[in-house]
Amino acid sequence: MVEKGRVTVQEGKELQTELTRKASGIVPATKAELDNLPFAKKEDVEALEAKMDAINAKLDQLLSK
């Protein structure tokens, strides 16, 4: 449809219609679907930060001896 960078008005309208149809067929993910994905939760990050703080404290103790 696109030849040498030129599109007729009718072809542009057809492209717009096709893109609109495709875009309207995309449904955003729901919160329930996102919750099922293996992302780290706030509690997971907080637990990791606590472990890192404990390791850093032990490292500081070892280095200060």
N, C-alpha and C. Protein backbone atom coordinates (compact mmCIF):
# COMPACT_ATOMS: atom_id res chain seq x y z
N MET A 1 0.82 -1.19 0.00
CA MET A 1 0.00 0.00 0.00
C MET A 1 0.87 1.26 0.00
N VAL A 2 1.92 1.25 0.77
CA VAL A 2 2.80 2.41 0.83
C VAL A 2 3.91 2.20 -0.20
N GLU A 3 3.99 3.13 -1.15
CA GLU A 3 4.99 3.02 -2.20
C GLU A 3 5.76 4.33 -2.29
N LYS A 4 7.07 4.24 -2.09
CA LYS A 4 7.94 5.41 -2.15
C LYS A 4 7.50 6.52 -1.20
N GLY A 5 6.97 6.12 -0.02
CA GLY A 5 6.61 7.09 0.99
C GLY A 5 5.34 7.87 0.71
N ARG A 6 4.57 7.46 -0.28
CA ARG A 6 3.35 8.19 -0.61
C ARG A 6 2.14 7.29 -0.39
N VAL A 7 1.15 7.85 0.24
CA VAL A 7 -0.08 7.13 0.53
C VAL A 7 -1.24 8.01 0.06
N THR A 8 -2.18 7.41 -0.65
CA THR A 8 -3.34 8.19 -1.06
C THR A 8 -4.24 8.41 0.14
N VAL A 9 -5.17 9.32 0.01
CA VAL A 9 -6.10 9.62 1.11
C VAL A 9 -6.91 8.38 1.45
N GLN A 10 -7.38 7.68 0.44
CA GLN A 10 -8.19 6.48 0.68
C GLN A 10 -7.34 5.40 1.38
N GLU A 11 -6.10 5.22 0.95
CA GLU A 11 -5.23 4.24 1.59
C GLU A 11 -4.94 4.64 3.04
N GLY A 12 -4.77 5.93 3.27
CA GLY A 12 -4.54 6.42 4.64
C GLY A 12 -5.73 6.12 5.53
N LYS A 13 -6.94 6.32 4.99
CA LYS A 13 -8.14 6.02 5.76
C LYS A 13 -8.23 4.52 6.05
N GLU A 14 -7.87 3.69 5.07
CA GLU A 14 -7.89 2.24 5.28
C GLU A 14 -6.88 1.82 6.33
N LEU A 15 -5.69 2.41 6.29
CA LEU A 15 -4.67 2.13 7.30
C LEU A 15 -5.14 2.55 8.69
N GLN A 16 -5.75 3.72 8.77
CA GLN A 16 -6.25 4.22 10.05
C GLN A 16 -7.33 3.28 10.61
N THR A 17 -8.22 2.84 9.73
CA THR A 17 -9.28 1.92 10.15
C THR A 17 -8.69 0.62 10.66
N GLU A 18 -7.70 0.10 9.96
CA GLU A 18 -7.07 -1.16 10.35
C GLU A 18 -6.34 -1.01 11.69
N LEU A 19 -5.61 0.09 11.86
CA LEU A 19 -4.90 0.32 13.12
C LEU A 19 -5.87 0.49 14.28
N THR A 20 -6.95 1.20 14.04
CA THR A 20 -7.96 1.39 15.08
C THR A 20 -8.58 0.07 15.48
N ARG A 21 -8.87 -0.78 14.49
CA ARG A 21 -9.46 -2.08 14.77
C ARG A 21 -8.49 -2.94 15.58
N LYS A 22 -7.22 -2.92 15.22
CA LYS A 22 -6.23 -3.71 15.95
C LYS A 22 -6.05 -3.18 17.37
N ALA A 23 -6.02 -1.86 17.51
CA ALA A 23 -5.82 -1.26 18.84
C ALA A 23 -7.00 -1.52 19.75
N SER A 24 -8.20 -1.53 19.20
CA SER A 24 -9.37 -1.76 20.03
C SER A 24 -9.47 -3.22 20.44
N GLY A 25 -8.77 -4.11 19.75
CA GLY A 25 -8.78 -5.53 20.10
C GLY A 25 -7.83 -5.86 21.25
N ILE A 26 -6.99 -4.90 21.64
CA ILE A 26 -6.02 -5.12 22.72
C ILE A 26 -6.68 -4.75 24.04
N VAL A 27 -6.70 -5.71 24.96
CA VAL A 27 -7.32 -5.47 26.26
C VAL A 27 -6.21 -5.36 27.31
N PRO A 28 -6.22 -4.30 28.11
CA PRO A 28 -5.19 -4.17 29.15
C PRO A 28 -5.33 -5.26 30.21
N ALA A 29 -4.23 -5.62 30.81
CA ALA A 29 -4.22 -6.66 31.84
C ALA A 29 -4.96 -6.17 33.08
N THR A 30 -5.65 -7.09 33.72
CA THR A 30 -6.35 -6.75 34.95
C THR A 30 -5.41 -6.89 36.14
N LYS A 31 -5.81 -6.36 37.28
CA LYS A 31 -4.99 -6.45 38.49
C LYS A 31 -4.79 -7.91 38.87
N ALA A 32 -5.82 -8.73 38.72
CA ALA A 32 -5.72 -10.15 39.06
C ALA A 32 -4.68 -10.84 38.17
N GLU A 33 -4.65 -10.49 36.90
CA GLU A 33 -3.66 -11.08 35.99
C GLU A 33 -2.25 -10.63 36.36
N LEU A 34 -2.10 -9.36 36.72
CA LEU A 34 -0.79 -8.86 37.11
C LEU A 34 -0.32 -9.49 38.42
N ASP A 35 -1.26 -9.74 39.34
CA ASP A 35 -0.90 -10.37 40.61
C ASP A 35 -0.37 -11.78 40.41
N ASN A 36 -0.79 -12.45 39.35
CA ASN A 36 -0.35 -13.81 39.08
C ASN A 36 1.03 -13.87 38.42
N LEU A 37 1.53 -12.72 37.96
CA LEU A 37 2.85 -12.71 37.33
C LEU A 37 3.93 -12.75 38.42
N PRO A 38 5.09 -13.31 38.09
CA PRO A 38 6.13 -13.49 39.12
C PRO A 38 6.95 -12.24 39.41
N PHE A 39 6.29 -11.12 39.67
CA PHE A 39 6.99 -9.90 40.05
C PHE A 39 7.24 -9.91 41.55
N ALA A 40 8.30 -9.25 41.96
CA ALA A 40 8.58 -9.11 43.39
C ALA A 40 7.56 -8.16 44.00
N LYS A 41 7.03 -8.54 45.12
CA LYS A 41 6.07 -7.70 45.82
C LYS A 41 6.82 -6.80 46.80
N LYS A 42 6.15 -5.81 47.33
CA LYS A 42 6.77 -4.87 48.25
C LYS A 42 7.37 -5.61 49.45
N GLU A 43 6.65 -6.61 49.95
CA GLU A 43 7.14 -7.38 51.09
C GLU A 43 8.42 -8.14 50.73
N ASP A 44 8.49 -8.66 49.50
CA ASP A 44 9.70 -9.37 49.06
C ASP A 44 10.90 -8.44 49.05
N VAL A 45 10.70 -7.24 48.54
CA VAL A 45 11.79 -6.26 48.47
C VAL A 45 12.23 -5.85 49.87
N GLU A 46 11.26 -5.65 50.76
CA GLU A 46 11.59 -5.27 52.14
C GLU A 46 12.38 -6.38 52.83
N ALA A 47 12.01 -7.65 52.60
CA ALA A 47 12.73 -8.77 53.20
C ALA A 47 14.17 -8.82 52.67
N LEU A 48 14.34 -8.60 51.38
CA LEU A 48 15.68 -8.60 50.80
C LEU A 48 16.52 -7.44 51.35
N GLU A 49 15.90 -6.28 51.52
CA GLU A 49 16.63 -5.14 52.07
C GLU A 49 17.07 -5.41 53.51
N ALA A 50 16.22 -6.09 54.28
CA ALA A 50 16.57 -6.42 55.66
C ALA A 50 17.75 -7.39 55.68
N LYS A 51 17.74 -8.37 54.78
CA LYS A 51 18.86 -9.32 54.70
C LYS A 51 20.14 -8.61 54.29
N MET A 52 20.03 -7.68 53.34
CA MET A 52 21.21 -6.94 52.91
C MET A 52 21.76 -6.08 54.03
N ASP A 53 20.87 -5.47 54.80
CA ASP A 53 21.31 -4.66 55.94
C ASP A 53 22.05 -5.51 56.97
N ALA A 54 21.54 -6.73 57.22
CA ALA A 54 22.19 -7.63 58.17
C ALA A 54 23.57 -8.04 57.66
N ILE A 55 23.67 -8.35 56.38
CA ILE A 55 24.95 -8.73 55.79
C ILE A 55 25.92 -7.56 55.84
N ASN A 56 25.45 -6.36 55.54
CA ASN A 56 26.32 -5.18 55.60
C ASN A 56 26.81 -4.93 57.02
N ALA A 57 25.95 -5.13 57.99
CA ALA A 57 26.36 -4.95 59.39
C ALA A 57 27.45 -5.95 59.76
N LYS A 58 27.28 -7.22 59.35
CA LYS A 58 28.31 -8.23 59.64
C LYS A 58 29.61 -7.89 58.93
N LEU A 59 29.51 -7.41 57.71
CA LEU A 59 30.70 -7.04 56.95
C LEU A 59 31.42 -5.87 57.62
N ASP A 60 30.66 -4.91 58.07
CA ASP A 60 31.26 -3.77 58.78
C ASP A 60 31.98 -4.22 60.05
N GLN A 61 31.38 -5.18 60.77
CA GLN A 61 32.02 -5.72 61.98
C GLN A 61 33.33 -6.40 61.63
N LEU A 62 33.32 -7.20 60.59
CA LEU A 62 34.53 -7.92 60.19
C LEU A 62 35.63 -6.96 59.73
N LEU A 63 35.24 -5.93 59.01
CA LEU A 63 36.23 -4.99 58.50
C LEU A 63 36.78 -4.07 59.59
N SER A 64 36.02 -3.86 60.64
CA SER A 64 36.48 -2.97 61.70
C SER A 64 37.40 -3.67 62.70
N LYS A 65 37.53 -4.98 62.60
CA LYS A 65 38.41 -5.72 63.54
C LYS A 65 39.85 -5.54 63.21
